[in-house]
PDB file of N, CA and C in Angstrom:
ATOM      1  N   MET A   1      15.008  -1.502  -5.885  1.00  0.00           N
ATOM      2  CA  MET A   1      15.044  -0.551  -4.797  1.00  0.00           C
ATOM      3  C   MET A   1      13.655   0.049  -4.571  1.00  0.00           C
ATOM      4  N   SER A   2      13.006   0.419  -5.654  1.00  0.00           N
ATOM      5  CA  SER A   2      11.669   1.009  -5.560  1.00  0.00           C
ATOM      6  C   SER A   2      10.709   0.048  -4.876  1.00  0.00           C
ATOM      7  N   GLN A   3      10.752  -1.214  -5.272  1.00  0.00           N
ATOM      8  CA  GLN A   3       9.862  -2.231  -4.715  1.00  0.00           C
ATOM      9  C   GLN A   3      10.088  -2.380  -3.218  1.00  0.00           C
ATOM     10  N   ILE A   4      11.324  -2.388  -2.792  1.00  0.00           N
ATOM     11  CA  ILE A   4      11.648  -2.544  -1.374  1.00  0.00           C
ATOM     12  C   ILE A   4      11.109  -1.356  -0.583  1.00  0.00           C
ATOM     13  N   ARG A   5      11.291  -0.173  -1.108  1.00  0.00           N
ATOM     14  CA  ARG A   5      10.827   1.025  -0.399  1.00  0.00           C
ATOM     15  C   ARG A   5       9.302   1.036  -0.292  1.00  0.00           C
ATOM     16  N   TYR A   6       8.610   0.591  -1.350  1.00  0.00           N
ATOM     17  CA  TYR A   6       7.148   0.518  -1.281  1.00  0.00           C
ATOM     18  C   TYR A   6       6.727  -0.444  -0.175  1.00  0.00           C
ATOM     19  N   CYS A   7       7.373  -1.588  -0.145  1.00  0.00           N
ATOM     20  CA  CYS A   7       6.998  -2.604   0.841  1.00  0.00           C
ATOM     21  C   CYS A   7       7.259  -2.126   2.262  1.00  0.00           C
ATOM     22  N   LEU A   8       8.364  -1.459   2.459  1.00  0.00           N
ATOM     23  CA  LEU A   8       8.721  -0.998   3.792  1.00  0.00           C
ATOM     24  C   LEU A   8       8.045   0.324   4.150  1.00  0.00           C
ATOM     25  N   GLY A   9       7.610   1.056   3.123  1.00  0.00           N
ATOM     26  CA  GLY A   9       6.986   2.348   3.371  1.00  0.00           C
ATOM     27  C   GLY A   9       7.952   3.386   3.912  1.00  0.00           C
ATOM     28  N   LYS A  10       9.238   3.223   3.621  1.00  0.00           N
ATOM     29  CA  LYS A  10      10.261   4.122   4.138  1.00  0.00           C
ATOM     30  C   LYS A  10      10.916   4.902   2.999  1.00  0.00           C
ATOM     31  N   LYS A  11      11.156   6.165   3.272  1.00  0.00           N
ATOM     32  CA  LYS A  11      11.875   7.048   2.350  1.00  0.00           C
ATOM     33  C   LYS A  11      11.269   7.040   0.952  1.00  0.00           C
ATOM     34  N   LEU A  12       9.944   7.026   0.886  1.00  0.00           N
ATOM     35  CA  LEU A  12       9.262   7.017  -0.413  1.00  0.00           C
ATOM     36  C   LEU A  12       9.586   8.262  -1.218  1.00  0.00           C
ATOM     37  N   GLY A  13       9.886   9.361  -0.537  1.00  0.00           N
ATOM     38  CA  GLY A  13      10.215  10.600  -1.225  1.00  0.00           C
ATOM     39  C   GLY A  13      11.484  10.525  -2.048  1.00  0.00           C
ATOM     40  N   GLU A  14      12.330   9.540  -1.771  1.00  0.00           N
ATOM     41  CA  GLU A  14      13.575   9.380  -2.522  1.00  0.00           C
ATOM     42  C   GLU A  14      13.385   8.600  -3.824  1.00  0.00           C
ATOM     43  N   ILE A  15      12.264   7.928  -3.956  1.00  0.00           N
ATOM     44  CA  ILE A  15      12.046   7.084  -5.130  1.00  0.00           C
ATOM     45  C   ILE A  15      12.129   7.864  -6.440  1.00  0.00           C
ATOM     46  N   PRO A  16      11.507   9.059  -6.541  1.00  0.00           N
ATOM     47  CA  PRO A  16      11.610   9.774  -7.819  1.00  0.00           C
ATOM     48  C   PRO A  16      13.054  10.051  -8.236  1.00  0.00           C
ATOM     49  N   ASP A  17      13.918  10.364  -7.265  1.00  0.00           N
ATOM     50  CA  ASP A  17      15.324  10.605  -7.591  1.00  0.00           C
ATOM     51  C   ASP A  17      15.988   9.346  -8.137  1.00  0.00           C
ATOM     52  N   TYR A  18      15.724   8.224  -7.477  1.00  0.00           N
ATOM     53  CA  TYR A  18      16.299   6.957  -7.944  1.00  0.00           C
ATOM     54  C   TYR A  18      15.768   6.582  -9.330  1.00  0.00           C
ATOM     55  N   LEU A  19      14.477   6.773  -9.526  1.00  0.00           N
ATOM     56  CA  LEU A  19      13.896   6.469 -10.831  1.00  0.00           C
ATOM     57  C   LEU A  19      14.472   7.381 -11.911  1.00  0.00           C
ATOM     58  N   GLY A  20      14.678   8.640 -11.565  1.00  0.00           N
ATOM     59  CA  GLY A  20      15.280   9.581 -12.516  1.00  0.00           C
ATOM     60  C   GLY A  20      16.689   9.167 -12.905  1.00  0.00           C
ATOM     61  N   GLN A  21      17.476   8.751 -11.932  1.00  0.00           N
ATOM     62  CA  GLN A  21      18.837   8.285 -12.208  1.00  0.00           C
ATOM     63  C   GLN A  21      18.817   7.029 -13.064  1.00  0.00           C
ATOM     64  N   ALA A  22      17.951   6.116 -12.709  1.00  0.00           N
ATOM     65  CA  ALA A  22      17.846   4.862 -13.471  1.00  0.00           C
ATOM     66  C   ALA A  22      17.386   5.142 -14.902  1.00  0.00           C
ATOM     67  N   ARG A  23      16.437   6.061 -15.049  1.00  0.00           N
ATOM     68  CA  ARG A  23      15.936   6.404 -16.384  1.00  0.00           C
ATOM     69  C   ARG A  23      17.053   7.007 -17.232  1.00  0.00           C
ATOM     70  N   TYR A  24      17.829   7.902 -16.650  1.00  0.00           N
ATOM     71  CA  TYR A  24      18.938   8.522 -17.360  1.00  0.00           C
ATOM     72  C   TYR A  24      19.913   7.462 -17.885  1.00  0.00           C
ATOM     73  N   ILE A  25      20.267   6.524 -17.030  1.00  0.00           N
ATOM     74  CA  ILE A  25      21.209   5.467 -17.423  1.00  0.00           C
ATOM     75  C   ILE A  25      20.599   4.573 -18.495  1.00  0.00           C
ATOM     76  N   ALA A  26      19.337   4.184 -18.318  1.00  0.00           N
ATOM     77  CA  ALA A  26      18.671   3.326 -19.305  1.00  0.00           C
ATOM     78  C   ALA A  26      18.579   4.017 -20.660  1.00  0.00           C
ATOM     79  N   GLU A  27      18.294   5.313 -20.655  1.00  0.00           N
ATOM     80  CA  GLU A  27      18.234   6.069 -21.918  1.00  0.00           C
ATOM     81  C   GLU A  27      19.600   6.102 -22.589  1.00  0.00           C
ATOM     82  N   LYS A  28      20.657   6.340 -21.795  1.00  0.00           N
ATOM     83  CA  LYS A  28      22.024   6.373 -22.351  1.00  0.00           C
ATOM     84  C   LYS A  28      22.398   5.034 -22.972  1.00  0.00           C
ATOM     85  N   LEU A  29      21.938   3.962 -22.345  1.00  0.00           N
ATOM     86  CA  LEU A  29      22.262   2.619 -22.827  1.00  0.00           C
ATOM     87  C   LEU A  29      21.302   2.148 -23.923  1.00  0.00           C
ATOM     88  N   GLY A  30      20.214   2.868 -24.133  1.00  0.00           N
ATOM     89  CA  GLY A  30      19.208   2.443 -25.105  1.00  0.00           C
ATOM     90  C   GLY A  30      18.435   1.222 -24.635  1.00  0.00           C
ATOM     91  N   ASP A  31      18.294   1.068 -23.332  1.00  0.00           N
ATOM     92  CA  ASP A  31      17.661  -0.106 -22.730  1.00  0.00           C
ATOM     93  C   ASP A  31      16.148   0.120 -22.616  1.00  0.00           C
ATOM     94  N   LYS A  32      15.412  -0.255 -23.641  1.00  0.00           N
ATOM     95  CA  LYS A  32      13.965  -0.033 -23.684  1.00  0.00           C
ATOM     96  C   LYS A  32      13.224  -0.833 -22.625  1.00  0.00           C
ATOM     97  N   ARG A  33      13.711  -2.001 -22.325  1.00  0.00           N
ATOM     98  CA  ARG A  33      13.069  -2.850 -21.321  1.00  0.00           C
ATOM     99  C   ARG A  33      13.108  -2.188 -19.947  1.00  0.00           C
ATOM    100  N   SER A  34      14.289  -1.715 -19.551  1.00  0.00           N
ATOM    101  CA  SER A  34      14.426  -1.035 -18.262  1.00  0.00           C
ATOM    102  C   SER A  34      13.630   0.259 -18.241  1.00  0.00           C
ATOM    103  N   LEU A  35      13.617   0.991 -19.346  1.00  0.00           N
ATOM    104  CA  LEU A  35      12.827   2.221 -19.414  1.00  0.00           C
ATOM    105  C   LEU A  35      11.353   1.937 -19.153  1.00  0.00           C
ATOM    106  N   ALA A  36      10.844   0.848 -19.716  1.00  0.00           N
ATOM    107  CA  ALA A  36       9.436   0.494 -19.515  1.00  0.00           C
ATOM    108  C   ALA A  36       9.155   0.188 -18.048  1.00  0.00           C
ATOM    109  N   ILE A  37      10.015  -0.585 -17.411  1.00  0.00           N
ATOM    110  CA  ILE A  37       9.830  -0.923 -15.996  1.00  0.00           C
ATOM    111  C   ILE A  37       9.913   0.339 -15.137  1.00  0.00           C
ATOM    112  N   ILE A  38      10.865   1.194 -15.430  1.00  0.00           N
ATOM    113  CA  ILE A  38      11.005   2.452 -14.689  1.00  0.00           C
ATOM    114  C   ILE A  38       9.740   3.297 -14.852  1.00  0.00           C
ATOM    115  N   GLY A  39       9.236   3.387 -16.080  1.00  0.00           N
ATOM    116  CA  GLY A  39       8.017   4.146 -16.341  1.00  0.00           C
ATOM    117  C   GLY A  39       6.817   3.591 -15.585  1.00  0.00           C
ATOM    118  N   LEU A  40       6.724   2.271 -15.497  1.00  0.00           N
ATOM    119  CA  LEU A  40       5.630   1.654 -14.747  1.00  0.00           C
ATOM    120  C   LEU A  40       5.726   1.981 -13.252  1.00  0.00           C
ATOM    121  N   HIS A  41       6.932   1.945 -12.722  1.00  0.00           N
ATOM    122  CA  HIS A  41       7.114   2.299 -11.316  1.00  0.00           C
ATOM    123  C   HIS A  41       6.747   3.765 -11.076  1.00  0.00           C
ATOM    124  N   LEU A  42       7.073   4.619 -12.031  1.00  0.00           N
ATOM    125  CA  LEU A  42       6.704   6.028 -11.915  1.00  0.00           C
ATOM    126  C   LEU A  42       5.178   6.180 -11.910  1.00  0.00           C
ATOM    127  N   GLY A  43       4.509   5.435 -12.772  1.00  0.00           N
ATOM    128  CA  GLY A  43       3.050   5.460 -12.803  1.00  0.00           C
ATOM    129  C   GLY A  43       2.454   5.034 -11.477  1.00  0.00           C
ATOM    130  N   ARG A  44       3.010   3.992 -10.880  1.00  0.00           N
ATOM    131  CA  ARG A  44       2.529   3.541  -9.571  1.00  0.00           C
ATOM    132  C   ARG A  44       2.788   4.608  -8.511  1.00  0.00           C
ATOM    133  N   LEU A  45       3.918   5.268  -8.607  1.00  0.00           N
ATOM    134  CA  LEU A  45       4.232   6.329  -7.653  1.00  0.00           C
ATOM    135  C   LEU A  45       3.212   7.467  -7.768  1.00  0.00           C
ATOM    136  N   TYR A  46       2.837   7.831  -8.988  1.00  0.00           N
ATOM    137  CA  TYR A  46       1.799   8.849  -9.177  1.00  0.00           C
ATOM    138  C   TYR A  46       0.487   8.390  -8.541  1.00  0.00           C
ATOM    139  N   TYR A  47       0.150   7.124  -8.741  1.00  0.00           N
ATOM    140  CA  TYR A  47      -1.086   6.597  -8.156  1.00  0.00           C
ATOM    141  C   TYR A  47      -1.052   6.704  -6.633  1.00  0.00           C
ATOM    142  N   LEU A  48       0.039   6.292  -6.033  1.00  0.00           N
ATOM    143  CA  LEU A  48       0.157   6.338  -4.574  1.00  0.00           C
ATOM    144  C   LEU A  48       0.144   7.771  -4.051  1.00  0.00           C
ATOM    145  N   GLY A  49       0.571   8.698  -4.886  1.00  0.00           N
ATOM    146  CA  GLY A  49       0.559  10.107  -4.516  1.00  0.00           C
ATOM    147  C   GLY A  49      -0.735  10.805  -4.884  1.00  0.00           C
ATOM    148  N   ALA A  50      -1.756  10.029  -5.259  1.00  0.00           N
ATOM    149  CA  ALA A  50      -3.083  10.540  -5.615  1.00  0.00           C
ATOM    150  C   ALA A  50      -3.060  11.452  -6.836  1.00  0.00           C
ATOM    151  N   LYS A  51      -2.100  11.249  -7.716  1.00  0.00           N
ATOM    152  CA  LYS A  51      -2.056  11.964  -8.990  1.00  0.00           C
ATOM    153  C   LYS A  51      -2.634  11.024 -10.047  1.00  0.00           C
ATOM    154  N   ILE A  52      -3.929  10.825  -9.966  1.00  0.00           N
ATOM    155  CA  ILE A  52      -4.607   9.786 -10.730  1.00  0.00           C
ATOM    156  C   ILE A  52      -4.486   9.998 -12.234  1.00  0.00           C
ATOM    157  N   SER A  53      -4.658  11.225 -12.696  1.00  0.00           N
ATOM    158  CA  SER A  53      -4.558  11.500 -14.131  1.00  0.00           C
ATOM    159  C   SER A  53      -3.145  11.200 -14.639  1.00  0.00           C
ATOM    160  N   ASP A  54      -2.141  11.649 -13.887  1.00  0.00           N
ATOM    161  CA  ASP A  54      -0.753  11.372 -14.264  1.00  0.00           C
ATOM    162  C   ASP A  54      -0.472   9.870 -14.233  1.00  0.00           C
ATOM    163  N   ALA A  55      -1.020   9.200 -13.228  1.00  0.00           N
ATOM    164  CA  ALA A  55      -0.831   7.750 -13.114  1.00  0.00           C
ATOM    165  C   ALA A  55      -1.416   7.041 -14.321  1.00  0.00           C
ATOM    166  N   ALA A  56      -2.645   7.399 -14.687  1.00  0.00           N
ATOM    167  CA  ALA A  56      -3.313   6.734 -15.810  1.00  0.00           C
ATOM    168  C   ALA A  56      -2.552   6.947 -17.114  1.00  0.00           C
ATOM    169  N   SER A  57      -2.139   8.182 -17.377  1.00  0.00           N
ATOM    170  CA  SER A  57      -1.446   8.446 -18.643  1.00  0.00           C
ATOM    171  C   SER A  57      -0.063   7.801 -18.675  1.00  0.00           C
ATOM    172  N   THR A  58       0.634   7.830 -17.546  1.00  0.00           N
ATOM    173  CA  THR A  58       1.970   7.226 -17.486  1.00  0.00           C
ATOM    174  C   THR A  58       1.879   5.712 -17.623  1.00  0.00           C
ATOM    175  N   LEU A  59       0.956   5.096 -16.891  1.00  0.00           N
ATOM    176  CA  LEU A  59       0.797   3.644 -17.003  1.00  0.00           C
ATOM    177  C   LEU A  59       0.379   3.242 -18.410  1.00  0.00           C
ATOM    178  N   SER A  60      -0.526   3.987 -19.010  1.00  0.00           N
ATOM    179  CA  SER A  60      -0.969   3.680 -20.371  1.00  0.00           C
ATOM    180  C   SER A  60       0.214   3.690 -21.341  1.00  0.00           C
ATOM    181  N   LEU A  61       1.015   4.736 -21.264  1.00  0.00           N
ATOM    182  CA  LEU A  61       2.177   4.876 -22.150  1.00  0.00           C
ATOM    183  C   LEU A  61       3.142   3.698 -22.006  1.00  0.00           C
ATOM    184  N   TRP A  62       3.478   3.366 -20.759  1.00  0.00           N
ATOM    185  CA  TRP A  62       4.492   2.345 -20.536  1.00  0.00           C
ATOM    186  C   TRP A  62       3.948   0.924 -20.653  1.00  0.00           C
ATOM    187  N   LEU A  63       2.671   0.727 -20.403  1.00  0.00           N
ATOM    188  CA  LEU A  63       2.081  -0.592 -20.658  1.00  0.00           C
ATOM    189  C   LEU A  63       2.060  -0.870 -22.159  1.00  0.00           C
ATOM    190  N   GLU A  64       1.825   0.165 -22.941  1.00  0.00           N
ATOM    191  CA  GLU A  64       1.893   0.014 -24.400  1.00  0.00           C
ATOM    192  C   GLU A  64       3.317  -0.337 -24.831  1.00  0.00           C
ATOM    193  N   ALA A  65       4.297   0.304 -24.201  1.00  0.00           N
ATOM    194  CA  ALA A  65       5.700  -0.001 -24.506  1.00  0.00           C
ATOM    195  C   ALA A  65       6.031  -1.450 -24.162  1.00  0.00           C
ATOM    196  N   VAL A  66       5.488  -1.938 -23.048  1.00  0.00           N
ATOM    197  CA  VAL A  66       5.695  -3.332 -22.647  1.00  0.00           C
ATOM    198  C   VAL A  66       5.144  -4.269 -23.723  1.00  0.00           C
ATOM    199  N   GLU A  67       3.948  -3.980 -24.198  1.00  0.00           N
ATOM    200  CA  GLU A  67       3.339  -4.821 -25.238  1.00  0.00           C
ATOM    201  C   GLU A  67       4.173  -4.799 -26.514  1.00  0.00           C
ATOM    202  N   GLU A  68       4.705  -3.638 -26.883  1.00  0.00           N
ATOM    203  CA  GLU A  68       5.526  -3.519 -28.084  1.00  0.00           C
ATOM    204  C   GLU A  68       6.817  -4.322 -27.980  1.00  0.00           C
ATOM    205  N   LEU A  69       7.354  -4.419 -26.766  1.00  0.00           N
ATOM    206  CA  LEU A  69       8.568  -5.201 -26.578  1.00  0.00           C
ATOM    207  C   LEU A  69       8.320  -6.681 -26.866  1.00  0.00           C
ATOM    208  N   GLY A  70       7.113  -7.148 -26.573  1.00  0.00           N
ATOM    209  CA  GLY A  70       6.755  -8.536 -26.871  1.00  0.00           C
ATOM    210  C   GLY A  70       7.501  -9.564 -26.045  1.00  0.00           C
ATOM    211  N   ASP A  71       8.106  -9.143 -24.977  1.00  0.00           N
ATOM    212  CA  ASP A  71       8.890 -10.003 -24.094  1.00  0.00           C
ATOM    213  C   ASP A  71       7.954 -10.591 -23.043  1.00  0.00           C
ATOM    214  N   LYS A  72       7.804 -11.905 -23.038  1.00  0.00           N
ATOM    215  CA  LYS A  72       6.867 -12.548 -22.113  1.00  0.00           C
ATOM    216  C   LYS A  72       7.208 -12.261 -20.653  1.00  0.00           C
ATOM    217  N   ASP A  73       8.482 -12.234 -20.323  1.00  0.00           N
ATOM    218  CA  ASP A  73       8.886 -11.978 -18.943  1.00  0.00           C
ATOM    219  C   ASP A  73       8.427 -10.599 -18.478  1.00  0.00           C
ATOM    220  N   ILE A  74       8.658  -9.581 -19.265  1.00  0.00           N
ATOM    221  CA  ILE A  74       8.262  -8.229 -18.858  1.00  0.00           C
ATOM    222  C   ILE A  74       6.745  -8.106 -18.830  1.00  0.00           C
ATOM    223  N   GLN A  75       6.064  -8.819 -19.698  1.00  0.00           N
ATOM    224  CA  GLN A  75       4.598  -8.790 -19.681  1.00  0.00           C
ATOM    225  C   GLN A  75       4.071  -9.408 -18.391  1.00  0.00           C
ATOM    226  N   LEU A  76       4.698 -10.476 -17.929  1.00  0.00           N
ATOM    227  CA  LEU A  76       4.313 -11.074 -16.646  1.00  0.00           C
ATOM    228  C   LEU A  76       4.585 -10.119 -15.494  1.00  0.00           C
ATOM    229  N   ARG A  77       5.730  -9.465 -15.551  1.00  0.00           N
ATOM    230  CA  ARG A  77       6.117  -8.543 -14.488  1.00  0.00           C
ATOM    231  C   ARG A  77       5.250  -7.288 -14.463  1.00  0.00           C
ATOM    232  N   ALA A  78       4.590  -6.988 -15.563  1.00  0.00           N
ATOM    233  CA  ALA A  78       3.748  -5.795 -15.659  1.00  0.00           C
ATOM    234  C   ALA A  78       2.326  -6.034 -15.156  1.00  0.00           C
ATOM    235  N   ALA A  79       2.000  -7.233 -14.726  1.00  0.00           N
ATOM    236  CA  ALA A  79       0.628  -7.561 -14.322  1.00  0.00           C
ATOM    237  C   ALA A  79       0.108  -6.627 -13.234  1.00  0.00           C
ATOM    238  N   GLU A  80       0.908  -6.380 -12.224  1.00  0.00           N
ATOM    239  CA  GLU A  80       0.501  -5.487 -11.135  1.00  0.00           C
ATOM    240  C   GLU A  80       0.131  -4.100 -11.673  1.00  0.00           C
ATOM    241  N   PHE A  81       0.904  -3.628 -12.631  1.00  0.00           N
ATOM    242  CA  PHE A  81       0.690  -2.293 -13.180  1.00  0.00           C
ATOM    243  C   PHE A  81      -0.566  -2.250 -14.058  1.00  0.00           C
ATOM    244  N   HIS A  82      -0.826  -3.353 -14.755  1.00  0.00           N
ATOM    245  CA  HIS A  82      -2.092  -3.469 -15.489  1.00  0.00           C
ATOM    246  C   HIS A  82      -3.252  -3.390 -14.503  1.00  0.00           C
ATOM    247  N   GLY A  83      -3.112  -4.073 -13.380  1.00  0.00           N
ATOM    248  CA  GLY A  83      -4.159  -4.060 -12.359  1.00  0.00           C
ATOM    249  C   GLY A  83      -4.434  -2.651 -11.862  1.00  0.00           C
ATOM    250  N   ILE A  84      -3.379  -1.911 -11.570  1.00  0.00           N
ATOM    251  CA  ILE A  84      -3.547  -0.534 -11.113  1.00  0.00           C
ATOM    252  C   ILE A  84      -4.229   0.303 -12.194  1.00  0.00           C
ATOM    253  N   PHE A  85      -3.789   0.127 -13.432  1.00  0.00           N
ATOM    254  CA  PHE A  85      -4.354   0.889 -14.550  1.00  0.00           C
ATOM    255  C   PHE A  85      -5.856   0.638 -14.687  1.00  0.00           C
ATOM    256  N   TYR A  86      -6.251  -0.623 -14.639  1.00  0.00           N
ATOM    257  CA  TYR A  86      -7.676  -0.935 -14.748  1.00  0.00           C
ATOM    258  C   TYR A  86      -8.456  -0.476 -13.516  1.00  0.00           C
ATOM    259  N   TYR A  87      -7.862  -0.574 -12.348  1.00  0.00           N
ATOM    260  CA  TYR A  87      -8.517  -0.127 -11.129  1.00  0.00           C
ATOM    261  C   TYR A  87      -8.818   1.375 -11.194  1.00  0.00           C
ATOM    262  N   ILE A  88      -7.838   2.143 -11.658  1.00  0.00           N
ATOM    263  CA  ILE A  88      -8.014   3.591 -11.801  1.00  0.00           C
ATOM    264  C   ILE A  88      -9.214   3.914 -12.684  1.00  0.00           C
ATOM    265  N   GLN A  89      -9.417   3.086 -13.698  1.00  0.00           N
ATOM    266  CA  GLN A  89     -10.500   3.325 -14.652  1.00  0.00           C
ATOM    267  C   GLN A  89     -11.838   2.770 -14.178  1.00  0.00           C
ATOM    268  N   GLY A  90     -11.850   2.172 -12.997  1.00  0.00           N
ATOM    269  CA  GLY A  90     -13.086   1.612 -12.478  1.00  0.00           C
ATOM    270  C   GLY A  90     -13.422   0.250 -13.064  1.00  0.00           C
ATOM    271  N   MET A  91     -12.471  -0.362 -13.731  1.00  0.00           N
ATOM    272  CA  MET A  91     -12.665  -1.686 -14.342  1.00  0.00           C
ATOM    273  C   MET A  91     -12.158  -2.736 -13.354  1.00  0.00           C
ATOM    274  N   HIS A  92     -12.936  -2.932 -12.290  1.00  0.00           N
ATOM    275  CA  HIS A  92     -12.464  -3.719 -11.161  1.00  0.00           C
ATOM    276  C   HIS A  92     -12.338  -5.208 -11.444  1.00  0.00           C
ATOM    277  N   ILE A  93     -13.154  -5.748 -12.289  1.00  0.00           N
ATOM    278  CA  ILE A  93     -13.036  -7.180 -12.627  1.00  0.00           C
ATOM    279  C   ILE A  93     -11.719  -7.423 -13.341  1.00  0.00           C
ATOM    280  N   GLU A  94     -11.406  -6.578 -14.335  1.00  0.00           N
ATOM    281  CA  GLU A  94     -10.146  -6.712 -15.065  1.00  0.00           C
ATOM    282  C   GLU A  94      -8.962  -6.479 -14.131  1.00  0.00           C
ATOM    283  N   ALA A  95      -9.110  -5.479 -13.245  1.00  0.00           N
ATOM    284  CA  ALA A  95      -8.040  -5.190 -12.292  1.00  0.00           C
ATOM    285  C   ALA A  95      -7.771  -6.409 -11.408  1.00  0.00           C
ATOM    286  N   ALA A  96      -8.847  -7.028 -10.906  1.00  0.00           N
ATOM    287  CA  ALA A  96      -8.704  -8.196 -10.030  1.00  0.00           C
ATOM    288  C   ALA A  96      -7.996  -9.339 -10.754  1.00  0.00           C
ATOM    289  N   GLU A  97      -8.314  -9.533 -12.030  1.00  0.00           N
ATOM    290  CA  GLU A  97      -7.654 -10.589 -12.798  1.00  0.00           C
ATOM    291  C   GLU A  97      -6.149 -10.344 -12.876  1.00  0.00           C
ATOM    292  N   TYR A  98      -5.764  -9.094 -13.120  1.00  0.00           N
ATOM    293  CA  TYR A  98      -4.339  -8.784 -13.201  1.00  0.00           C
ATOM    294  C   TYR A  98      -3.672  -8.833 -11.826  1.00  0.00           C
ATOM    295  N   PHE A  99      -4.376  -8.410 -10.779  1.00  0.00           N
ATOM    296  CA  PHE A  99      -3.810  -8.513  -9.444  1.00  0.00           C
ATOM    297  C   PHE A  99      -3.606  -9.981  -9.059  1.00  0.00           C
ATOM    298  N   ASP A 100      -4.555 -10.846  -9.423  1.00  0.00           N
ATOM    299  CA  ASP A 100      -4.397 -12.282  -9.186  1.00  0.00           C
ATOM    300  C   ASP A 100      -3.174 -12.822  -9.934  1.00  0.00           C
ATOM    301  N   MET A 101      -3.011 -12.376 -11.177  1.00  0.00           N
ATOM    302  CA  MET A 101      -1.858 -12.794 -11.971  1.00  0.00           C
ATOM    303  C   MET A 101      -0.565 -12.316 -11.301  1.00  0.00           C
ATOM    304  N   ALA A 102      -0.566 -11.087 -10.785  1.00  0.00           N
ATOM    305  CA  ALA A 102       0.618 -10.553 -10.116  1.00  0.00           C
ATOM    306  C   ALA A 102       0.958 -11.374  -8.877  1.00  0.00           C
ATOM    307  N   ILE A 103      -0.062 -11.794  -8.146  1.00  0.00           N
ATOM    308  CA  ILE A 103       0.160 -12.622  -6.956  1.00  0.00           C
ATOM    309  C   ILE A 103       0.779 -13.961  -7.362  1.00  0.00           C
ATOM    310  N   GLN A 104       0.265 -14.560  -8.414  1.00  0.00           N
ATOM    311  CA  GLN A 104       0.823 -15.828  -8.897  1.00  0.00           C
ATOM    312  C   GLN A 104       2.269 -15.637  -9.355  1.00  0.00           C
ATOM    313  N   ASN A 105       2.534 -14.530 -10.027  1.00  0.00           N
ATOM    314  CA  ASN A 105       3.896 -14.246 -10.476  1.00  0.00           C
ATOM    315  C   ASN A 105       4.835 -14.098  -9.283  1.00  0.00           C
ATOM    316  N   GLU A 106       4.339 -13.448  -8.239  1.00  0.00           N
ATOM    317  CA  GLU A 106       5.132 -13.285  -7.014  1.00  0.00           C
ATOM    318  C   GLU A 106       5.460 -14.665  -6.415  1.00  0.00           C
ATOM    319  N   LYS A 107       4.471 -15.526  -6.370  1.00  0.00           N
ATOM    320  CA  LYS A 107       4.679 -16.881  -5.830  1.00  0.00           C
ATOM    321  C   LYS A 107       5.667 -17.667  -6.671  1.00  0.00           C
ATOM    322  N   ASN A 108       5.694 -17.381  -7.979  1.00  0.00           N
ATOM    323  CA  ASN A 108       6.602 -18.082  -8.892  1.00  0.00           C
ATOM    324  C   ASN A 108       7.959 -17.389  -9.022  1.00  0.00           C
ATOM    325  N   GLY A 109       8.149 -16.294  -8.280  1.00  0.00           N
ATOM    326  CA  GLY A 109       9.433 -15.596  -8.316  1.00  0.00           C
ATOM    327  C   GLY A 109       9.589 -14.642  -9.478  1.00  0.00           C
ATOM    328  N   GLN A 110       8.507 -14.249 -10.120  1.00  0.00           N
ATOM    329  CA  GLN A 110       8.560 -13.333 -11.261  1.00  0.00           C
ATOM    330  C   GLN A 110       7.977 -12.001 -10.803  1.00  0.00           C
ATOM    331  N   THR A 111       8.836 -11.146 -10.225  1.00  0.00           N
ATOM    332  CA  THR A 111       8.363  -9.879  -9.681  1.00  0.00           C
ATOM    333  C   THR A 111       9.094  -8.714 -10.319  1.00  0.00           C
ATOM    334  N   THR A 112       8.545  -7.508 -10.066  1.00  0.00           N
ATOM    335  CA  THR A 112       9.170  -6.289 -10.601  1.00  0.00           C
ATOM    336  C   THR A 112      10.233  -5.779  -9.679  1.00  0.00           C
TER     337      THR A 112
END
């Protein structure tokens, strides 16, 4: 849902509510994988809202969680978020590499 709203640019203000609901359910279920994806989407939302410090800290936390999960699929799906994280830090070469990876993942049907 979050991805669709970003693409359409509609009702972006509702995304935090949806993410909050999804986070609550994932926490109740103990679903660490979903929590990581939700956290990454929240980080991107902070970035889009020009809350750069919040975006950097949130993305850092949840990208670390993705690495700890060790799940190749979620690591592929996190490429876009790695790109945003590196871009925020001014590491544009690294960001471009991850954005390229995200584009390839999109072409291969591996999206967030």
